[in-house]
């Protein structure tokens, strides 16, 4: 192992320790260390080392005006949110011409660059700060940064290869290109969880169409589909560090998994969920209209699980869209504390009492079926929604309160049956 690799690995470990010490929010990822945790930490540090080497090489290559112009064109022509590009695909296109050029400009061996790219999970490259995306026109005054995890201290390199640490809470005025594990699925947009069983529309649309409104929801016939809707959301934070760009809030409808004692996600609503489950919340507050669970889905679930209510889980996604990636034991502690403080009526069911309502209902299940690897980033759990009458808290414009870890109130949402 070269002296640089050893130094990068050691510094990455120190940075991870410092970042963890600085976290203050109870919702920051704190997975319980499994057996074999040293191997997990080593693998994580090795990935950070690869990302730092690639970030430095990319920054050095950006000294070249032609290479900068190619990067600028790629992010401007990207069809993905925030101008994201898939680094491995970008450098590997045209027979690897850009990868060869990057290695040449960085004075690195192409084989070493290829090894770091091949051994890494998909990497995304983009300018996460909106002002930087609008203001960078290919100038050489910029940084390339990476971070081990959300809210960790970003490690940045300038085009001369100088290494520096950035403030994890505030971006610098100099434009920053982020190079890190991809949050975005650059393949086909995944279908919402549960579509195989419950969607009326086999294509995954779940409705009859409609046009986008100005608030991240749908207008037209799609919103006329009966079911459970969310029309307002307000959270205390975006739960996303600036290097990760805009937040990706998701609402999951959780219910009993078969006849087991665990829950799974039956439906996801979010930016990548597809109509009519699409909504996009890029700040702490949102209003609009998004279907969370159709009446057909509610009826099918009640027929299969007549004694079980559903739970409403809100996440800020840090990995694959509409796939819950969080520590199941952490989730169980969250639910257990909520039940201990607010009783068993912390789920929800649709009821008909003069008008159709979505009301508190009994839910005893606390285990989450979650396929999650400690080698991937963990979603931020915003919280579980419980009816305001149960929470004994009230928020203007909302009727369900979002309770996070340690039963801290993290926000509120409005739910309506239509």
Protein backbone atom coordinates (compact mmCIF):
# COMPACT_ATOMS: atom_id res chain seq x y z
CA UNK A 1 0.00 0.00 0.00
CA UNK A 2 1.39 3.41 -0.98
CA UNK A 3 2.09 6.11 1.58
CA UNK A 4 -0.70 8.26 0.04
CA UNK A 5 -3.28 5.50 0.38
CA UNK A 6 -2.32 4.86 4.01
CA UNK A 7 -2.47 8.57 4.75
CA UNK A 8 -5.86 8.96 2.99
CA UNK A 9 -7.33 6.02 4.90
CA UNK A 10 -6.07 7.35 8.24
CA UNK A 11 -7.35 10.85 7.56
CA UNK A 12 -10.72 9.49 6.41
CA UNK A 13 -11.08 7.59 9.68
CA UNK A 14 -10.26 10.72 11.69
CA UNK A 15 -12.75 12.75 9.70
CA UNK A 16 -15.49 10.19 10.29
CA UNK A 17 -14.84 10.29 14.04
CA UNK A 18 -14.88 14.08 14.12
CA UNK A 19 -18.08 14.27 12.08
CA UNK A 20 -19.87 11.82 14.36
CA UNK A 21 -18.84 13.81 17.43
CA UNK A 22 -20.29 17.00 15.97
CA UNK A 23 -23.73 15.57 15.22
CA UNK A 24 -26.41 16.98 17.46
CA UNK A 25 -29.72 16.02 15.86
CA UNK A 26 -31.29 12.85 17.27
CA UNK A 27 -32.18 11.85 13.73
CA UNK A 28 -28.63 11.66 12.45
CA UNK A 29 -27.71 8.17 11.24
CA UNK A 30 -26.38 6.16 14.18
CA UNK A 31 -26.65 2.52 13.13
CA UNK A 32 -25.99 -0.06 15.79
CA UNK A 33 -22.66 -1.63 14.96
CA UNK A 34 -23.13 -5.22 13.85
CA UNK A 35 -20.71 -8.03 14.51
CA UNK A 36 -17.77 -7.51 12.21
CA UNK A 37 -17.98 -3.73 12.60
CA UNK A 38 -14.20 -3.28 12.09
CA UNK A 39 -14.54 -4.82 8.65
CA UNK A 40 -17.42 -2.46 7.88
CA UNK A 41 -15.39 0.56 9.01
CA UNK A 42 -12.44 -0.60 6.93
CA UNK A 43 -14.63 -1.02 3.84
CA UNK A 44 -16.15 2.42 4.38
CA UNK A 45 -12.72 4.03 4.76
CA UNK A 46 -11.51 2.25 1.65
CA UNK A 47 -14.41 3.71 -0.31
CA UNK A 48 -13.69 7.17 1.06
CA UNK A 49 -10.06 6.73 0.05
CA UNK A 50 -11.12 5.85 -3.50
CA UNK A 51 -13.46 8.83 -3.61
CA UNK A 52 -10.74 11.19 -2.40
CA UNK A 53 -8.27 9.90 -5.00
CA UNK A 54 -10.86 10.30 -7.74
CA UNK A 55 -11.85 13.77 -6.50
CA UNK A 56 -8.22 14.90 -6.53
CA UNK A 57 -7.62 13.47 -9.99
CA UNK A 58 -10.79 15.11 -11.28
CA UNK A 59 -9.81 18.46 -9.75
CA UNK A 60 -6.36 18.28 -11.35
CA UNK A 61 -7.93 17.50 -14.72
CA UNK A 62 -10.12 20.59 -14.39
CA UNK A 63 -7.05 22.77 -14.89
CA UNK A 64 -7.53 21.97 -18.57
CA UNK A 65 -10.03 24.31 -20.25
CA UNK A 66 -11.22 21.68 -22.73
CA UNK A 67 -11.88 19.15 -19.96
CA UNK A 68 -13.79 21.80 -17.96
CA UNK A 69 -15.90 22.61 -21.01
CA UNK A 70 -16.74 18.93 -21.45
CA UNK A 71 -17.82 18.67 -17.80
CA UNK A 72 -19.88 21.86 -18.05
CA UNK A 73 -21.66 20.58 -21.15
CA UNK A 74 -22.39 17.25 -19.47
CA UNK A 75 -24.01 18.77 -16.37
CA UNK A 76 -25.95 21.31 -18.43
CA UNK A 77 -27.31 18.62 -20.76
CA UNK A 78 -28.04 16.09 -18.01
CA UNK A 79 -31.61 14.79 -17.94
CA UNK A 80 -31.33 14.02 -14.22
CA UNK A 81 -32.29 16.24 -11.29
CA UNK A 82 -29.74 18.90 -10.29
CA UNK A 83 -27.70 18.14 -13.42
CA UNK A 84 -26.31 14.90 -12.01
CA UNK A 85 -24.09 12.68 -14.13
CA UNK A 86 -22.97 9.10 -13.54
CA UNK A 87 -19.18 9.35 -13.18
CA UNK A 88 -18.32 5.84 -14.33
CA UNK A 89 -20.54 6.16 -17.41
CA UNK A 90 -19.27 9.66 -18.16
CA UNK A 91 -15.60 8.68 -18.06
CA UNK A 92 -16.20 5.35 -19.77
CA UNK A 93 -18.06 6.74 -22.77
CA UNK A 94 -16.46 6.85 -26.20
CA UNK A 95 -14.22 3.90 -25.41
CA UNK A 96 -12.90 5.48 -22.21
CA UNK A 97 -11.42 8.51 -23.94
CA UNK A 98 -12.29 10.86 -21.07
CA UNK A 99 -10.93 8.44 -18.48
CA UNK A 100 -7.66 8.29 -20.38
CA UNK A 101 -7.57 12.08 -20.61
CA UNK A 102 -8.35 12.49 -16.89
CA UNK A 103 -5.49 10.17 -15.93
CA UNK A 104 -3.17 11.99 -18.29
CA UNK A 105 -4.06 15.43 -16.90
CA UNK A 106 -3.84 14.22 -13.30
CA UNK A 107 -0.50 12.53 -14.00
CA UNK A 108 -1.95 9.25 -12.72
CA UNK A 109 -1.82 5.73 -14.05
CA UNK A 110 -4.98 4.97 -15.99
CA UNK A 111 -5.03 1.47 -14.48
CA UNK A 112 -5.21 2.98 -10.97
CA UNK A 113 -8.04 5.32 -11.96
CA UNK A 114 -9.89 2.39 -13.55
CA UNK A 115 -9.42 0.28 -10.42
CA UNK A 116 -10.91 3.00 -8.18
CA UNK A 117 -13.87 3.44 -10.53
CA UNK A 118 -14.52 -0.29 -10.88
CA UNK A 119 -14.32 -0.99 -7.14
CA UNK A 120 -16.68 1.84 -6.23
CA UNK A 121 -20.45 1.77 -6.13
CA UNK A 122 -22.07 4.11 -8.69
CA UNK A 123 -20.73 7.64 -8.22
CA UNK A 124 -22.62 10.82 -9.06
CA UNK A 125 -21.01 14.09 -10.05
CA UNK A 126 -22.85 17.41 -9.89
CA UNK A 127 -22.95 20.88 -8.38
CA UNK A 128 -25.21 20.47 -5.32
CA UNK A 129 -25.64 24.17 -4.50
CA UNK A 130 -28.21 25.88 -6.80
CA UNK A 131 -26.28 29.17 -6.86
CA UNK A 132 -23.15 27.29 -7.95
CA UNK A 133 -25.03 25.51 -10.74
CA UNK A 134 -26.34 28.82 -12.04
CA UNK A 135 -23.11 30.73 -11.58
CA UNK A 136 -20.45 28.32 -12.87
CA UNK A 137 -19.76 28.72 -16.58
CA UNK A 138 -16.59 26.69 -16.86
CA UNK A 139 -14.16 28.86 -14.86
CA UNK A 140 -11.15 27.23 -13.23
CA UNK A 141 -11.97 28.68 -9.79
CA UNK A 142 -13.80 25.74 -8.24
CA UNK A 143 -13.42 22.75 -5.90
CA UNK A 144 -14.17 19.03 -6.13
CA UNK A 145 -15.44 17.65 -2.82
CA UNK A 146 -16.49 14.34 -1.33
CA UNK A 147 -17.73 13.18 2.07
CA UNK A 148 -17.96 9.82 3.81
CA UNK A 149 -21.58 10.36 4.87
CA UNK A 150 -24.29 12.98 4.91
CA UNK A 151 -23.36 15.84 7.29
CA UNK A 152 -19.75 14.64 7.48
CA UNK A 153 -16.90 17.10 6.91
CA UNK A 154 -16.42 17.43 3.13
CA UNK A 155 -12.88 16.86 1.83
CA UNK A 156 -12.18 19.13 -1.14
CA UNK A 157 -9.42 19.59 -3.74
CA UNK A 158 -8.66 22.61 -5.88
CA UNK A 159 -7.39 22.28 -9.48
CA UNK A 160 -3.80 22.30 -8.16
CA UNK A 161 -4.53 19.24 -6.05
CA UNK A 162 -4.43 21.03 -2.70
CA UNK A 163 -6.57 19.31 -0.06
CA UNK A 164 -8.81 21.22 2.34
CA UNK A 165 -11.73 20.61 4.69
CA UNK A 166 -15.02 22.42 4.18
CA UNK A 167 -17.69 23.50 6.64
CA UNK A 168 -20.33 20.72 6.68
CA UNK A 169 -23.09 23.24 7.51
CA UNK A 170 -22.39 26.04 5.03
CA UNK A 171 -21.09 25.83 1.45
CA UNK A 172 -18.20 28.08 0.38
CA UNK A 173 -18.67 30.88 -2.13
CA UNK A 174 -16.39 29.04 -4.57
CA UNK A 175 -18.39 26.61 -6.79
CA UNK A 176 -18.18 23.02 -5.59
CA UNK A 177 -18.52 19.87 -7.66
CA UNK A 178 -19.61 16.93 -5.49
CA UNK A 179 -18.22 13.47 -6.17
CA UNK A 180 -19.80 10.81 -3.98
CA UNK A 181 -21.86 7.65 -3.79
CA UNK A 182 -24.92 8.04 -5.99
CA UNK A 183 -28.27 8.78 -4.38
CA UNK A 184 -29.91 8.70 -7.78
CA UNK A 185 -30.75 5.53 -9.65
CA UNK A 186 -29.40 6.31 -13.11
CA UNK A 187 -31.30 3.39 -14.61
CA UNK A 188 -35.04 3.14 -14.94
CA UNK A 189 -37.05 4.91 -12.26
CA UNK A 190 -38.09 2.18 -9.80
CA UNK A 191 -41.78 1.38 -9.56
CA UNK A 192 -43.41 2.30 -6.25
CA UNK A 193 -43.29 -0.49 -3.72
CA UNK A 194 -46.49 -2.48 -3.71
CA UNK A 195 -47.47 -1.87 -7.35
CA UNK A 196 -47.42 -5.59 -8.14
CA UNK A 197 -50.23 -6.20 -5.64
CA UNK A 198 -52.24 -3.05 -5.34
CA UNK A 199 -51.95 -0.67 -8.29
CA UNK A 200 -55.04 -0.27 -10.44
CA UNK A 201 -52.75 0.69 -13.33
CA UNK A 202 -50.33 -2.14 -14.21
CA UNK A 203 -47.93 0.38 -15.72
CA UNK A 204 -47.29 1.77 -12.24
CA UNK A 205 -49.15 5.03 -12.78
CA UNK A 206 -51.88 4.05 -10.36
CA UNK A 207 -54.33 6.56 -11.81
CA UNK A 208 -55.84 7.96 -14.95
CA UNK A 209 -53.45 10.77 -15.59
CA UNK A 210 -53.55 14.47 -14.85
CA UNK A 211 -51.25 17.45 -15.14
CA UNK A 212 -48.58 18.63 -12.72
CA UNK A 213 -49.55 21.53 -10.52
CA UNK A 214 -47.17 24.18 -9.21
CA UNK A 215 -46.71 22.55 -5.81
CA UNK A 216 -45.27 19.17 -6.63
CA UNK A 217 -48.63 17.43 -6.93
CA UNK A 218 -51.13 16.57 -9.64
CA UNK A 219 -54.14 18.28 -11.11
CA UNK A 220 -56.95 16.72 -13.09
CA UNK A 221 -58.36 13.22 -13.08
CA UNK A 222 -55.49 11.67 -11.11
CA UNK A 223 -56.38 13.58 -7.96
CA UNK A 224 -60.02 12.55 -8.33
CA UNK A 225 -59.09 8.93 -7.59
CA UNK A 226 -60.45 8.06 -4.15
CA UNK A 227 -57.95 7.36 -1.42
CA UNK A 228 -55.70 8.87 1.25
CA UNK A 229 -54.05 12.14 0.26
CA UNK A 230 -51.41 14.39 1.79
CA UNK A 231 -51.99 18.09 1.15
CA UNK A 232 -49.47 19.77 3.47
CA UNK A 233 -46.14 18.96 5.11
CA UNK A 234 -43.92 20.98 7.40
CA UNK A 235 -40.66 19.67 8.89
CA UNK A 236 -38.09 21.18 11.24
CA UNK A 237 -35.22 20.48 8.86
CA UNK A 238 -34.44 19.23 5.37
CA UNK A 239 -32.36 16.45 6.98
CA UNK A 240 -29.86 16.87 4.15
CA UNK A 241 -26.34 18.31 4.19
CA UNK A 242 -25.53 20.90 1.51
CA UNK A 243 -23.10 18.56 -0.29
CA UNK A 244 -26.00 16.15 -0.87
CA UNK A 245 -28.06 18.77 -2.67
CA UNK A 246 -31.85 18.97 -2.43
CA UNK A 247 -33.65 16.64 0.00
CA UNK A 248 -35.65 13.66 -1.21
CA UNK A 249 -38.57 13.31 1.19
CA UNK A 250 -40.58 10.10 0.91
CA UNK A 251 -43.79 8.96 2.61
CA UNK A 252 -44.16 5.20 3.07
CA UNK A 253 -47.35 3.36 3.97
CA UNK A 254 -46.27 0.51 6.22
CA UNK A 255 -48.36 -2.55 6.92
CA UNK A 256 -48.10 -6.13 8.09
CA UNK A 257 -45.87 -8.34 5.99
CA UNK A 258 -48.01 -11.39 5.29
CA UNK A 259 -48.75 -13.18 8.54
CA UNK A 260 -45.44 -12.24 10.14
CA UNK A 261 -44.79 -9.91 13.07
CA UNK A 262 -42.98 -7.39 10.88
CA UNK A 263 -44.02 -4.55 8.58
CA UNK A 264 -43.08 -3.67 5.02
CA UNK A 265 -43.71 -0.72 2.73
CA UNK A 266 -46.85 -1.14 0.67
CA UNK A 267 -46.61 2.19 -1.11
CA UNK A 268 -44.09 4.97 -1.47
CA UNK A 269 -44.88 8.57 -2.39
CA UNK A 270 -42.02 10.82 -3.40
CA UNK A 271 -40.06 12.41 -6.20
CA UNK A 272 -39.36 9.13 -7.97
CA UNK A 273 -42.59 7.30 -7.19
CA UNK A 274 -44.50 8.09 -10.37
CA UNK A 275 -47.97 9.55 -10.80
CA UNK A 276 -50.18 9.91 -8.83
CA UNK A 277 -47.77 9.20 -5.95
CA UNK A 278 -45.33 11.88 -7.09
CA UNK A 279 -44.52 14.92 -5.01
CA UNK A 280 -41.32 16.91 -4.67
CA UNK A 281 -40.48 18.75 -1.46
CA UNK A 282 -37.19 20.62 -1.73
CA UNK A 283 -37.57 22.66 1.46
CA UNK A 284 -39.01 22.33 4.94
CA UNK A 285 -42.56 23.21 3.85
CA UNK A 286 -44.77 21.87 1.06
CA UNK A 287 -48.39 22.12 -0.02
CA UNK A 288 -50.18 20.45 -2.88
CA UNK A 289 -52.00 17.17 -3.37
CA UNK A 290 -50.44 13.73 -3.53
CA UNK A 291 -52.05 10.31 -3.26
CA UNK A 292 -50.45 8.19 -0.54
CA UNK A 293 -52.66 5.10 -0.69
CA UNK A 294 -55.62 4.54 -3.02
CA UNK A 295 -59.01 3.35 -1.80
CA UNK A 296 -58.42 0.10 -3.68
CA UNK A 297 -55.16 -0.33 -1.80
CA UNK A 298 -56.82 0.46 1.54
CA UNK A 299 -59.62 -2.02 0.85
CA UNK A 300 -57.22 -4.74 -0.26
CA UNK A 301 -55.05 -4.26 2.82
CA UNK A 302 -58.04 -4.34 5.20
CA UNK A 303 -59.32 -7.53 3.55
CA UNK A 304 -55.93 -9.19 4.01
CA UNK A 305 -55.17 -7.73 7.46
CA UNK A 306 -58.51 -6.82 9.11
CA UNK A 307 -57.00 -6.31 12.56
CA UNK A 308 -53.93 -4.33 11.51
CA UNK A 309 -53.74 -0.59 10.87
CA UNK A 310 -51.08 1.00 8.68
CA UNK A 311 -48.30 3.28 9.83
CA UNK A 312 -47.06 6.36 8.00
CA UNK A 313 -43.28 6.63 7.88
CA UNK A 314 -41.48 9.70 6.54
CA UNK A 315 -37.88 9.45 5.34
CA UNK A 316 -35.28 11.67 3.77
CA UNK A 317 -33.82 9.30 1.21
CA UNK A 318 -30.03 9.01 1.03
CA UNK A 319 -29.69 6.03 -1.27
CA UNK A 320 -32.04 4.19 -3.65
CA UNK A 321 -35.40 5.89 -4.14
CA UNK A 322 -38.51 4.26 -2.64
CA UNK A 323 -36.45 1.60 -0.88
CA UNK A 324 -36.22 1.87 2.91
CA UNK A 325 -32.60 1.69 4.00
CA UNK A 326 -32.40 2.17 7.73
CA UNK A 327 -31.46 0.06 10.72
CA UNK A 328 -34.50 -2.06 11.65
CA UNK A 329 -33.53 -2.13 15.34
CA UNK A 330 -33.39 1.66 15.33
CA UNK A 331 -36.86 1.74 13.79
CA UNK A 332 -38.16 -0.70 16.43
CA UNK A 333 -36.89 1.60 19.21
CA UNK A 334 -38.62 4.55 17.54
CA UNK A 335 -41.98 2.75 17.39
CA UNK A 336 -41.65 1.30 20.88
CA UNK A 337 -41.09 4.74 22.41
CA UNK A 338 -44.02 6.19 20.50
CA UNK A 339 -46.34 3.41 21.70
CA UNK A 340 -45.02 3.73 25.26
CA UNK A 341 -45.76 7.47 25.28
CA UNK A 342 -48.94 7.64 23.22
CA UNK A 343 -50.54 4.21 23.47
CA UNK A 344 -51.49 1.70 20.81
CA UNK A 345 -53.62 4.03 18.66
CA UNK A 346 -50.62 5.30 16.70
CA UNK A 347 -51.53 3.77 13.35
CA UNK A 348 -54.33 4.76 11.00
CA UNK A 349 -57.40 3.40 9.17
CA UNK A 350 -60.05 4.91 6.94
CA UNK A 351 -63.45 5.08 8.63
CA UNK A 352 -66.93 6.17 7.60
CA UNK A 353 -68.67 8.30 10.23
CA UNK A 354 -70.95 10.65 8.26
CA UNK A 355 -67.91 11.47 6.13
CA UNK A 356 -64.84 9.49 5.11
CA UNK A 357 -61.95 10.04 7.52
CA UNK A 358 -58.51 8.63 8.15
CA UNK A 359 -58.32 8.15 11.90
CA UNK A 360 -56.18 6.71 14.65
CA UNK A 361 -56.14 2.93 14.87
CA UNK A 362 -54.35 0.20 16.79
CA UNK A 363 -51.00 -1.04 15.51
CA UNK A 364 -48.81 -3.34 17.58
CA UNK A 365 -46.16 -4.10 14.97
CA UNK A 366 -42.76 -2.51 15.51
CA UNK A 367 -40.34 -4.55 13.38
CA UNK A 368 -39.50 -3.23 9.92
CA UNK A 369 -38.61 -5.50 7.05
CA UNK A 370 -35.71 -3.49 5.67
CA UNK A 371 -33.01 -4.80 3.36
CA UNK A 372 -30.12 -2.53 4.24
CA UNK A 373 -26.37 -2.98 4.17
CA UNK A 374 -24.07 -1.13 6.54
CA UNK A 375 -21.85 -0.58 3.50
CA UNK A 376 -24.43 1.77 1.98
CA UNK A 377 -25.62 5.14 3.17
CA UNK A 378 -28.56 5.12 5.57
CA UNK A 379 -31.80 7.01 5.03
CA UNK A 380 -32.62 9.70 7.59
CA UNK A 381 -35.77 8.70 9.48
CA UNK A 382 -37.80 11.89 9.88
CA UNK A 383 -40.48 10.14 11.91
CA UNK A 384 -43.82 8.37 12.15
CA UNK A 385 -47.06 10.32 11.81
CA UNK A 386 -49.68 9.96 14.54
CA UNK A 387 -53.00 11.78 14.75
CA UNK A 388 -52.83 15.12 16.57
CA UNK A 389 -55.51 14.04 19.06
CA UNK A 390 -53.30 11.11 20.07
CA UNK A 391 -50.14 13.22 20.15
CA UNK A 392 -51.98 15.92 22.11
CA UNK A 393 -50.25 18.48 19.90
CA UNK A 394 -51.77 20.71 17.23
CA UNK A 395 -50.18 22.46 14.27
CA UNK A 396 -51.93 25.03 12.01
CA UNK A 397 -52.98 23.48 8.72
CA UNK A 398 -52.05 19.94 9.78
CA UNK A 399 -53.83 17.08 11.55
CA UNK A 400 -51.09 14.45 12.02
CA UNK A 401 -47.89 15.06 14.01
CA UNK A 402 -44.55 13.56 12.92
CA UNK A 403 -42.68 12.03 15.85
CA UNK A 404 -38.99 11.20 15.44
CA UNK A 405 -36.50 9.42 17.64
CA UNK A 406 -36.96 9.99 21.38
CA UNK A 407 -40.53 11.11 20.44
CA UNK A 408 -39.19 14.53 19.37
CA UNK A 409 -41.69 16.40 17.19
CA UNK A 410 -40.08 16.75 13.76
CA UNK A 411 -43.00 18.27 11.90
CA UNK A 412 -46.63 17.83 10.90
CA UNK A 413 -48.66 16.81 7.85
CA UNK A 414 -52.26 17.07 6.72
CA UNK A 415 -54.03 13.88 5.64
CA UNK A 416 -57.41 13.79 3.87
CA UNK A 417 -59.67 11.03 2.59
CA UNK A 418 -61.19 11.82 -0.80
